[in-house]
């Protein structure tokens, strides 16, 4: 499956969020308003 995706340029739609946006992203998940997969940018963690 991974080979197929790589050959056809398929990738998940993601939204990169910073540490300061974690609470907002959580609320969006809880209210079913997330459109993409939220990925936390670990370089923004303090």
PDB file of N, CA and C in Angstrom:
ATOM      1  N   UNK A   1       0.829  -1.186   0.000  1.00  0.00           N
ATOM      2  CA  UNK A   1       0.000   0.000   0.000  1.00  0.00           C
ATOM      3  C   UNK A   1       0.876   1.255   0.000  1.00  0.00           C
ATOM      4  N   UNK A   2       1.937   1.244   0.807  1.00  0.00           N
ATOM      5  CA  UNK A   2       2.817   2.410   0.843  1.00  0.00           C
ATOM      6  C   UNK A   2       3.504   2.629  -0.498  1.00  0.00           C
ATOM      7  N   UNK A   3       3.893   1.543  -1.157  1.00  0.00           N
ATOM      8  CA  UNK A   3       4.514   1.663  -2.473  1.00  0.00           C
ATOM      9  C   UNK A   3       3.531   2.271  -3.476  1.00  0.00           C
ATOM     10  N   UNK A   4       2.286   1.825  -3.439  1.00  0.00           N
ATOM     11  CA  UNK A   4       1.252   2.360  -4.335  1.00  0.00           C
ATOM     12  C   UNK A   4       1.086   3.862  -4.123  1.00  0.00           C
ATOM     13  N   UNK A   5       0.989   4.262  -2.870  1.00  0.00           N
ATOM     14  CA  UNK A   5       0.822   5.691  -2.553  1.00  0.00           C
ATOM     15  C   UNK A   5       2.017   6.497  -3.040  1.00  0.00           C
ATOM     16  N   UNK A   6       3.215   5.984  -2.832  1.00  0.00           N
ATOM     17  CA  UNK A   6       4.425   6.684  -3.261  1.00  0.00           C
ATOM     18  C   UNK A   6       4.473   6.801  -4.779  1.00  0.00           C
ATOM     19  N   UNK A   7       4.112   5.741  -5.482  1.00  0.00           N
ATOM     20  CA  UNK A   7       4.138   5.754  -6.944  1.00  0.00           C
ATOM     21  C   UNK A   7       3.133   6.734  -7.537  1.00  0.00           C
ATOM     22  N   UNK A   8       2.014   6.953  -6.845  1.00  0.00           N
ATOM     23  CA  UNK A   8       0.946   7.806  -7.362  1.00  0.00           C
ATOM     24  C   UNK A   8       0.873   9.177  -6.678  1.00  0.00           C
ATOM     25  N   UNK A   9       1.836   9.468  -5.821  1.00  0.00           N
ATOM     26  CA  UNK A   9       1.888  10.776  -5.172  1.00  0.00           C
ATOM     27  C   UNK A   9       0.755  11.025  -4.187  1.00  0.00           C
ATOM     28  N   UNK A  10       0.245   9.985  -3.558  1.00  0.00           N
ATOM     29  CA  UNK A  10      -0.842  10.125  -2.591  1.00  0.00           C
ATOM     30  C   UNK A  10      -0.277  10.375  -1.198  1.00  0.00           C
ATOM     31  N   UNK A  11      -0.826  11.356  -0.522  1.00  0.00           N
ATOM     32  CA  UNK A  11      -0.382  11.686   0.836  1.00  0.00           C
ATOM     33  C   UNK A  11      -1.575  12.232   1.616  1.00  0.00           C
ATOM     34  N   UNK A  12      -1.555  12.091   2.929  1.00  0.00           N
ATOM     35  CA  UNK A  12      -2.672  12.608   3.726  1.00  0.00           C
ATOM     36  C   UNK A  12      -2.659  14.137   3.768  1.00  0.00           C
ATOM     37  N   UNK A  13      -3.824  14.710   3.916  1.00  0.00           N
ATOM     38  CA  UNK A  13      -3.930  16.155   4.104  1.00  0.00           C
ATOM     39  C   UNK A  13      -3.711  16.433   5.586  1.00  0.00           C
ATOM     40  N   UNK A  14      -2.722  17.243   5.907  1.00  0.00           N
ATOM     41  CA  UNK A  14      -2.409  17.532   7.305  1.00  0.00           C
ATOM     42  C   UNK A  14      -2.402  19.030   7.550  1.00  0.00           C
ATOM     43  N   UNK A  15      -2.613  19.369   8.794  1.00  0.00           N
ATOM     44  CA  UNK A  15      -2.548  20.763   9.237  1.00  0.00           C
ATOM     45  C   UNK A  15      -1.508  20.817  10.346  1.00  0.00           C
ATOM     46  N   UNK A  16      -0.433  21.542  10.129  1.00  0.00           N
ATOM     47  CA  UNK A  16       0.628  21.678  11.118  1.00  0.00           C
ATOM     48  C   UNK A  16       0.225  22.749  12.118  1.00  0.00           C
ATOM     49  N   UNK A  17       0.194  22.391  13.395  1.00  0.00           N
ATOM     50  CA  UNK A  17      -0.183  23.355  14.429  1.00  0.00           C
ATOM     51  C   UNK A  17       0.967  23.521  15.414  1.00  0.00           C
ATOM     52  N   UNK A  18       1.072  24.708  15.945  1.00  0.00           N
ATOM     53  CA  UNK A  18       2.079  24.999  16.959  1.00  0.00           C
ATOM     54  C   UNK A  18       1.555  24.668  18.344  1.00  0.00           C
ATOM     55  N   UNK A  19       2.458  24.630  19.303  1.00  0.00           N
ATOM     56  CA  UNK A  19       2.083  24.296  20.680  1.00  0.00           C
ATOM     57  C   UNK A  19       1.025  25.256  21.220  1.00  0.00           C
ATOM     58  N   UNK A  20       1.074  26.508  20.798  1.00  0.00           N
ATOM     59  CA  UNK A  20       0.110  27.497  21.297  1.00  0.00           C
ATOM     60  C   UNK A  20      -1.298  27.261  20.750  1.00  0.00           C
ATOM     61  N   UNK A  21      -1.438  26.386  19.766  1.00  0.00           N
ATOM     62  CA  UNK A  21      -2.746  26.113  19.153  1.00  0.00           C
ATOM     63  C   UNK A  21      -3.346  24.777  19.594  1.00  0.00           C
ATOM     64  N   UNK A  22      -2.717  24.088  20.530  1.00  0.00           N
ATOM     65  CA  UNK A  22      -3.177  22.754  20.923  1.00  0.00           C
ATOM     66  C   UNK A  22      -4.590  22.794  21.491  1.00  0.00           C
ATOM     67  N   UNK A  23      -4.885  23.727  22.368  1.00  0.00           N
ATOM     68  CA  UNK A  23      -6.224  23.789  22.967  1.00  0.00           C
ATOM     69  C   UNK A  23      -7.294  24.063  21.913  1.00  0.00           C
ATOM     70  N   UNK A  24      -7.004  24.954  20.991  1.00  0.00           N
ATOM     71  CA  UNK A  24      -7.947  25.260  19.914  1.00  0.00           C
ATOM     72  C   UNK A  24      -8.174  24.025  19.037  1.00  0.00           C
ATOM     73  N   UNK A  25      -7.110  23.317  18.706  1.00  0.00           N
ATOM     74  CA  UNK A  25      -7.230  22.109  17.889  1.00  0.00           C
ATOM     75  C   UNK A  25      -8.044  21.042  18.623  1.00  0.00           C
ATOM     76  N   UNK A  26      -7.833  20.910  19.904  1.00  0.00           N
ATOM     77  CA  UNK A  26      -8.591  19.934  20.693  1.00  0.00           C
ATOM     78  C   UNK A  26     -10.080  20.258  20.660  1.00  0.00           C
ATOM     79  N   UNK A  27     -10.415  21.521  20.811  1.00  0.00           N
ATOM     80  CA  UNK A  27     -11.828  21.925  20.762  1.00  0.00           C
ATOM     81  C   UNK A  27     -12.436  21.620  19.395  1.00  0.00           C
ATOM     82  N   UNK A  28     -11.676  21.832  18.335  1.00  0.00           N
ATOM     83  CA  UNK A  28     -12.165  21.523  16.986  1.00  0.00           C
ATOM     84  C   UNK A  28     -12.398  20.033  16.812  1.00  0.00           C
ATOM     85  N   UNK A  29     -11.542  19.201  17.408  1.00  0.00           N
ATOM     86  CA  UNK A  29     -11.740  17.753  17.357  1.00  0.00           C
ATOM     87  C   UNK A  29     -13.023  17.379  18.104  1.00  0.00           C
ATOM     88  N   UNK A  30     -13.207  17.940  19.272  1.00  0.00           N
ATOM     89  CA  UNK A  30     -14.364  17.600  20.101  1.00  0.00           C
ATOM     90  C   UNK A  30     -15.688  18.052  19.487  1.00  0.00           C
ATOM     91  N   UNK A  31     -15.664  19.091  18.672  1.00  0.00           N
ATOM     92  CA  UNK A  31     -16.890  19.586  18.037  1.00  0.00           C
ATOM     93  C   UNK A  31     -17.019  19.122  16.589  1.00  0.00           C
ATOM     94  N   UNK A  32     -16.180  18.162  16.203  1.00  0.00           N
ATOM     95  CA  UNK A  32     -16.200  17.579  14.845  1.00  0.00           C
ATOM     96  C   UNK A  32     -15.998  18.614  13.753  1.00  0.00           C
ATOM     97  N   UNK A  33     -15.165  19.609  14.005  1.00  0.00           N
ATOM     98  CA  UNK A  33     -14.895  20.652  13.018  1.00  0.00           C
ATOM     99  C   UNK A  33     -13.498  20.553  12.417  1.00  0.00           C
ATOM    100  N   UNK A  34     -12.817  19.434  12.656  1.00  0.00           N
ATOM    101  CA  UNK A  34     -11.485  19.236  12.090  1.00  0.00           C
ATOM    102  C   UNK A  34     -11.647  18.738  10.664  1.00  0.00           C
ATOM    103  N   UNK A  35     -10.957  19.384   9.742  1.00  0.00           N
ATOM    104  CA  UNK A  35     -11.034  18.975   8.348  1.00  0.00           C
ATOM    105  C   UNK A  35      -9.856  18.087   7.962  1.00  0.00           C
ATOM    106  N   UNK A  36      -8.706  18.337   8.516  1.00  0.00           N
ATOM    107  CA  UNK A  36      -7.495  17.592   8.199  1.00  0.00           C
ATOM    108  C   UNK A  36      -6.951  16.938   9.456  1.00  0.00           C
ATOM    109  N   UNK A  37      -5.938  16.144   9.282  1.00  0.00           N
ATOM    110  CA  UNK A  37      -5.243  15.566  10.434  1.00  0.00           C
ATOM    111  C   UNK A  37      -4.374  16.658  11.041  1.00  0.00           C
ATOM    112  N   UNK A  38      -4.502  16.896  12.316  1.00  0.00           N
ATOM    113  CA  UNK A  38      -3.707  17.908  12.997  1.00  0.00           C
ATOM    114  C   UNK A  38      -2.405  17.282  13.491  1.00  0.00           C
ATOM    115  N   UNK A  39      -1.288  17.909  13.141  1.00  0.00           N
ATOM    116  CA  UNK A  39       0.030  17.418  13.526  1.00  0.00           C
ATOM    117  C   UNK A  39       0.725  18.533  14.304  1.00  0.00           C
ATOM    118  N   UNK A  40       1.183  18.206  15.508  1.00  0.00           N
ATOM    119  CA  UNK A  40       1.831  19.206  16.357  1.00  0.00           C
ATOM    120  C   UNK A  40       3.284  19.369  15.951  1.00  0.00           C
ATOM    121  N   UNK A  41       3.675  20.598  15.707  1.00  0.00           N
ATOM    122  CA  UNK A  41       5.068  20.936  15.383  1.00  0.00           C
ATOM    123  C   UNK A  41       5.849  20.906  16.692  1.00  0.00           C
ATOM    124  N   UNK A  42       6.618  19.848  16.913  1.00  0.00           N
ATOM    125  CA  UNK A  42       7.314  19.683  18.189  1.00  0.00           C
ATOM    126  C   UNK A  42       8.408  20.720  18.419  1.00  0.00           C
ATOM    127  N   UNK A  43       8.835  21.409  17.362  1.00  0.00           N
ATOM    128  CA  UNK A  43       9.854  22.443  17.567  1.00  0.00           C
ATOM    129  C   UNK A  43       9.285  23.657  18.308  1.00  0.00           C
ATOM    130  N   UNK A  44       7.947  23.746  18.415  1.00  0.00           N
ATOM    131  CA  UNK A  44       7.331  24.879  19.117  1.00  0.00           C
ATOM    132  C   UNK A  44       7.047  24.572  20.585  1.00  0.00           C
ATOM    133  N   UNK A  45       7.337  23.353  21.018  1.00  0.00           N
ATOM    134  CA  UNK A  45       7.118  22.999  22.418  1.00  0.00           C
ATOM    135  C   UNK A  45       8.203  23.643  23.278  1.00  0.00           C
ATOM    136  N   UNK A  46       7.798  24.178  24.403  1.00  0.00           N
ATOM    137  CA  UNK A  46       8.737  24.878  25.263  1.00  0.00           C
ATOM    138  C   UNK A  46       9.300  24.032  26.257  1.00  0.00           C
TER     139      UNK A  46
END
